[in-house]
N, C-alpha and C. Protein backbone atom coordinates (compact mmCIF):
# COMPACT_ATOMS: atom_id res chain seq x y z
N MET A 1 2.72 81.64 4.61
CA MET A 1 3.02 82.52 4.00
C MET A 1 4.43 82.15 4.25
N LYS A 2 4.95 82.16 5.22
CA LYS A 2 6.66 81.98 6.02
C LYS A 2 6.54 80.89 5.19
N THR A 3 6.96 79.88 5.14
CA THR A 3 7.09 78.16 4.77
C THR A 3 7.74 79.52 3.95
N ASN A 4 6.77 79.71 2.52
CA ASN A 4 7.33 79.91 1.15
C ASN A 4 7.92 80.56 1.43
N THR A 5 8.45 81.53 2.30
CA THR A 5 9.45 82.56 2.40
C THR A 5 10.28 82.21 2.94
N THR A 6 10.19 80.70 3.87
CA THR A 6 11.58 80.39 4.50
C THR A 6 12.46 79.13 3.07
N THR A 7 11.49 78.69 2.53
CA THR A 7 11.90 77.88 1.51
C THR A 7 12.97 78.72 0.34
N ARG A 8 11.89 79.64 -0.50
CA ARG A 8 13.07 80.58 -1.20
C ARG A 8 14.38 80.57 -0.67
N ARG A 9 14.08 81.38 0.68
CA ARG A 9 15.38 81.68 1.15
C ARG A 9 16.33 80.54 1.52
N SER A 10 15.69 79.07 1.47
CA SER A 10 16.65 77.92 1.27
C SER A 10 17.31 77.48 0.03
N LEU A 11 16.63 77.44 -0.57
CA LEU A 11 16.45 77.42 -1.69
C LEU A 11 18.20 78.60 -1.91
N SER A 12 17.99 79.53 -2.49
CA SER A 12 18.67 81.08 -2.68
C SER A 12 20.30 80.17 -2.58
N ASN A 13 20.04 80.45 -0.79
CA ASN A 13 21.34 80.06 -0.61
C ASN A 13 21.97 78.52 -0.79
N VAL A 14 21.11 77.86 -1.02
CA VAL A 14 21.90 76.19 -1.49
C VAL A 14 22.66 76.70 -2.85
N ILE A 15 21.77 77.03 -3.93
CA ILE A 15 21.98 77.69 -4.75
C ILE A 15 23.78 78.77 -4.68
N ALA A 16 23.16 79.50 -3.85
CA ALA A 16 25.07 80.50 -3.44
C ALA A 16 26.08 79.40 -3.50
N THR A 17 25.26 78.16 -2.87
CA THR A 17 26.42 78.14 -1.94
C THR A 17 27.11 77.01 -3.15
N GLY A 18 26.28 75.87 -3.99
CA GLY A 18 26.58 75.44 -4.94
C GLY A 18 27.88 76.37 -6.13
N ALA A 19 27.10 77.52 -6.40
CA ALA A 19 28.43 78.53 -7.22
C ALA A 19 29.18 78.32 -6.42
N LEU A 20 29.26 78.76 -5.19
CA LEU A 20 30.64 78.84 -4.34
C LEU A 20 31.66 77.42 -4.68
N ILE A 21 30.78 76.89 -4.74
CA ILE A 21 31.72 74.92 -4.44
C ILE A 21 32.33 75.25 -6.26
N LEU A 22 31.49 75.99 -7.20
CA LEU A 22 31.30 74.83 -8.44
C LEU A 22 32.94 76.32 -8.97
N ILE A 23 33.01 77.43 -8.60
CA ILE A 23 34.16 78.83 -9.19
C ILE A 23 35.35 77.17 -8.40
N ALA A 24 35.16 77.38 -6.81
CA ALA A 24 36.19 77.32 -6.12
C ALA A 24 37.12 75.69 -6.94
N ALA A 25 35.73 75.04 -7.36
CA ALA A 25 36.62 73.78 -7.38
C ALA A 25 37.29 74.21 -9.37
N THR A 26 36.87 74.99 -10.18
CA THR A 26 37.87 75.08 -11.43
C THR A 26 39.09 75.77 -10.85
N GLY A 27 39.04 76.66 -9.71
CA GLY A 27 40.48 76.83 -9.57
C GLY A 27 41.41 76.03 -8.95
N PHE A 28 40.81 74.90 -8.14
CA PHE A 28 41.76 73.36 -8.09
C PHE A 28 41.46 72.53 -9.50
N ALA A 29 41.04 72.28 -10.22
CA ALA A 29 41.17 71.20 -11.25
C ALA A 29 42.09 72.24 -12.34
N GLN A 30 42.45 73.65 -12.90
CA GLN A 30 43.35 73.83 -13.74
C GLN A 30 44.54 73.23 -13.14
N GLN A 31 45.43 72.17 -14.10
CA GLN A 31 46.46 72.01 -13.92
C GLN A 31 47.56 73.66 -13.21
N LYS A 32 48.26 73.62 -12.93
CA LYS A 32 49.37 74.21 -11.89
C LYS A 32 50.33 74.13 -12.96
N ASN A 33 51.15 73.66 -13.64
CA ASN A 33 52.05 73.26 -14.50
C ASN A 33 51.68 72.96 -15.87
N THR A 34 51.82 74.44 -16.37
CA THR A 34 50.85 73.83 -17.86
C THR A 34 52.80 73.36 -18.90
N LYS A 35 53.79 73.73 -18.51
CA LYS A 35 55.33 73.76 -19.39
C LYS A 35 55.51 72.19 -19.25
N GLY A 36 55.25 71.88 -20.75
CA GLY A 36 55.28 70.69 -21.04
C GLY A 36 54.29 69.84 -21.58
N SER A 37 52.73 69.84 -20.63
CA SER A 37 51.77 69.52 -20.75
C SER A 37 51.35 68.68 -22.00
N GLU A 38 51.81 69.25 -23.21
CA GLU A 38 50.92 68.92 -24.53
C GLU A 38 52.24 67.98 -25.12
N ALA A 39 53.05 67.68 -23.73
CA ALA A 39 54.13 66.59 -25.19
C ALA A 39 53.62 65.63 -25.41
N ILE A 40 53.54 64.64 -25.81
CA ILE A 40 53.67 63.61 -26.39
C ILE A 40 54.69 62.35 -25.29
N ARG A 41 53.72 61.56 -24.26
CA ARG A 41 53.99 60.86 -23.61
C ARG A 41 54.46 59.89 -23.73
N PRO A 42 55.17 58.36 -24.14
CA PRO A 42 55.44 57.27 -24.24
C PRO A 42 53.98 56.65 -22.81
N TYR A 43 53.63 55.31 -23.61
CA TYR A 43 52.56 54.35 -22.69
C TYR A 43 52.84 52.91 -22.83
N HIS A 44 53.34 52.96 -22.25
CA HIS A 44 53.74 51.33 -22.54
C HIS A 44 52.71 50.26 -21.48
N ILE A 45 52.15 49.62 -22.26
CA ILE A 45 50.72 48.13 -20.97
C ILE A 45 51.83 46.41 -21.77
N SER A 46 51.67 45.75 -20.29
CA SER A 46 52.18 44.91 -21.49
C SER A 46 50.77 43.82 -21.26
N VAL A 47 50.13 42.58 -21.77
CA VAL A 47 49.28 41.86 -22.62
C VAL A 47 49.93 40.87 -22.47
N SER A 48 49.54 40.04 -22.13
CA SER A 48 49.72 38.26 -22.48
C SER A 48 49.19 38.01 -23.52
N GLU A 49 50.06 37.27 -24.50
CA GLU A 49 49.63 36.53 -25.15
C GLU A 49 48.63 35.75 -25.23
N GLU A 50 47.85 35.46 -24.28
CA GLU A 50 46.35 34.34 -24.02
C GLU A 50 45.93 35.66 -23.71
N ALA A 51 45.33 36.50 -23.60
CA ALA A 51 44.08 37.52 -23.27
C ALA A 51 44.56 38.25 -25.07
N ILE A 52 45.39 38.73 -25.23
CA ILE A 52 45.23 38.61 -26.98
C ILE A 52 44.99 37.99 -27.57
N THR A 53 44.85 36.42 -27.64
CA THR A 53 44.08 35.43 -28.71
C THR A 53 42.76 35.29 -28.32
N ASP A 54 42.52 35.85 -26.72
CA ASP A 54 41.19 35.92 -26.51
C ASP A 54 40.50 36.93 -26.89
N LEU A 55 41.12 38.03 -26.81
CA LEU A 55 40.13 39.12 -27.49
C LEU A 55 39.95 38.89 -28.92
N ARG A 56 41.02 38.21 -29.37
CA ARG A 56 40.22 38.04 -30.97
C ARG A 56 39.36 37.32 -31.23
N ASN A 57 39.86 35.98 -30.83
CA ASN A 57 39.42 35.08 -31.25
C ASN A 57 37.22 35.72 -30.65
N ARG A 58 37.13 36.93 -29.60
CA ARG A 58 35.68 36.66 -29.49
C ARG A 58 35.45 37.86 -30.53
N VAL A 59 36.50 38.89 -30.66
CA VAL A 59 35.66 40.02 -32.59
C VAL A 59 35.45 39.21 -33.23
N ASN A 60 36.19 38.27 -32.73
CA ASN A 60 35.91 37.44 -34.70
C ASN A 60 34.84 36.40 -34.64
N ALA A 61 33.84 36.13 -33.12
CA ALA A 61 32.67 35.81 -33.21
C ALA A 61 32.09 36.27 -32.98
N THR A 62 31.86 37.40 -33.47
CA THR A 62 30.72 38.31 -33.83
C THR A 62 29.61 37.75 -34.48
N ARG A 63 28.29 38.46 -33.83
CA ARG A 63 27.05 37.63 -33.88
C ARG A 63 26.52 39.13 -35.46
N TRP A 64 26.77 38.83 -36.50
CA TRP A 64 26.18 40.20 -36.83
C TRP A 64 24.10 40.25 -37.25
N PRO A 65 23.99 41.95 -37.31
CA PRO A 65 22.49 41.85 -38.04
C PRO A 65 22.32 41.96 -38.79
N ALA A 66 21.19 42.03 -39.39
CA ALA A 66 20.85 41.69 -41.13
C ALA A 66 21.12 43.12 -41.66
N GLN A 67 21.57 42.98 -43.51
CA GLN A 67 21.69 43.94 -42.97
C GLN A 67 20.28 44.59 -43.05
N GLU A 68 21.74 46.31 -43.02
CA GLU A 68 20.59 47.39 -43.34
C GLU A 68 19.44 47.43 -44.26
N THR A 69 18.29 48.24 -44.02
CA THR A 69 17.78 48.54 -44.67
C THR A 69 17.62 49.53 -46.11
N VAL A 70 18.20 50.50 -45.84
CA VAL A 70 18.63 52.02 -45.85
C VAL A 70 20.00 52.91 -46.66
N THR A 71 19.67 52.98 -47.67
CA THR A 71 21.17 53.18 -48.40
C THR A 71 21.45 54.33 -47.97
N ASP A 72 21.00 55.48 -46.58
CA ASP A 72 21.70 56.24 -46.13
C ASP A 72 22.44 55.63 -44.59
N GLN A 73 23.10 56.27 -43.80
CA GLN A 73 22.93 56.52 -42.63
C GLN A 73 22.31 57.08 -40.99
N SER A 74 21.03 56.17 -41.75
CA SER A 74 19.96 56.39 -40.67
C SER A 74 19.66 55.50 -39.88
N GLN A 75 20.45 53.80 -39.84
CA GLN A 75 20.61 52.97 -39.14
C GLN A 75 21.57 52.83 -39.09
N GLY A 76 23.01 53.71 -38.74
CA GLY A 76 23.89 53.94 -38.67
C GLY A 76 24.95 53.83 -39.53
N VAL A 77 26.27 52.65 -38.54
CA VAL A 77 27.67 52.48 -39.39
C VAL A 77 26.75 51.43 -40.59
N LYS A 78 27.16 51.09 -41.49
CA LYS A 78 26.84 50.20 -42.92
C LYS A 78 27.86 48.66 -42.39
N LEU A 79 26.86 47.65 -42.31
CA LEU A 79 27.62 46.64 -41.66
C LEU A 79 28.94 46.60 -42.51
N ALA A 80 28.73 46.70 -44.06
CA ALA A 80 30.21 46.29 -44.87
C ALA A 80 31.98 46.89 -43.44
N GLN A 81 31.27 48.32 -43.62
CA GLN A 81 32.41 49.12 -42.99
C GLN A 81 32.81 48.78 -42.03
N ILE A 82 31.96 48.07 -40.54
CA ILE A 82 31.87 47.60 -39.59
C ILE A 82 32.40 46.16 -39.87
N GLN A 83 32.14 45.16 -40.48
CA GLN A 83 32.71 44.00 -40.02
C GLN A 83 34.04 44.29 -41.41
N GLY A 84 34.55 45.43 -42.45
CA GLY A 84 36.23 44.84 -41.94
C GLY A 84 36.93 45.82 -41.47
N LEU A 85 36.20 46.86 -40.55
CA LEU A 85 36.90 46.97 -39.20
C LEU A 85 36.99 45.95 -38.35
N VAL A 86 36.47 45.49 -37.90
CA VAL A 86 36.50 44.05 -37.43
C VAL A 86 37.33 42.98 -37.39
N LYS A 87 37.51 42.99 -38.99
CA LYS A 87 38.25 41.89 -39.65
C LYS A 87 39.80 41.90 -39.11
N TYR A 88 39.51 43.78 -39.44
CA TYR A 88 41.16 44.12 -38.89
C TYR A 88 41.43 43.64 -37.69
N TRP A 89 40.54 44.28 -36.73
CA TRP A 89 40.92 44.11 -35.24
C TRP A 89 41.12 42.86 -35.30
N GLY A 90 39.94 41.46 -35.30
CA GLY A 90 40.82 40.64 -35.25
C GLY A 90 42.28 39.38 -35.74
N THR A 91 42.66 40.22 -37.16
CA THR A 91 43.20 39.65 -37.70
C THR A 91 44.46 40.31 -37.54
N ASP A 92 44.70 41.73 -38.32
CA ASP A 92 46.05 42.42 -38.25
C ASP A 92 46.45 43.69 -37.91
N TYR A 93 45.36 43.95 -36.83
CA TYR A 93 45.69 44.93 -35.71
C TYR A 93 47.02 44.23 -34.99
N ASP A 94 47.88 45.21 -34.39
CA ASP A 94 48.94 45.05 -33.46
C ASP A 94 48.84 45.60 -31.90
């Protein structure tokens, strides 16, 4: 019986310690300076034309599954819809 009590006490200590760590971590995770934090900031990225061409080639080389056998969304996004999106990504997206 002593082992059972020791195990329960150890378990409760671990849970209490974990709870304290989570409470302390939430305080550190909160943003200290909220002024202007919702403002949209520009993001710039430089990607070589070679990398973009390679990506477009891979997108355009997509191997498509057979058309869905049902008329609802139970098999996921409709094939025609995703093909239209991928065509846009592979040709027109900038």
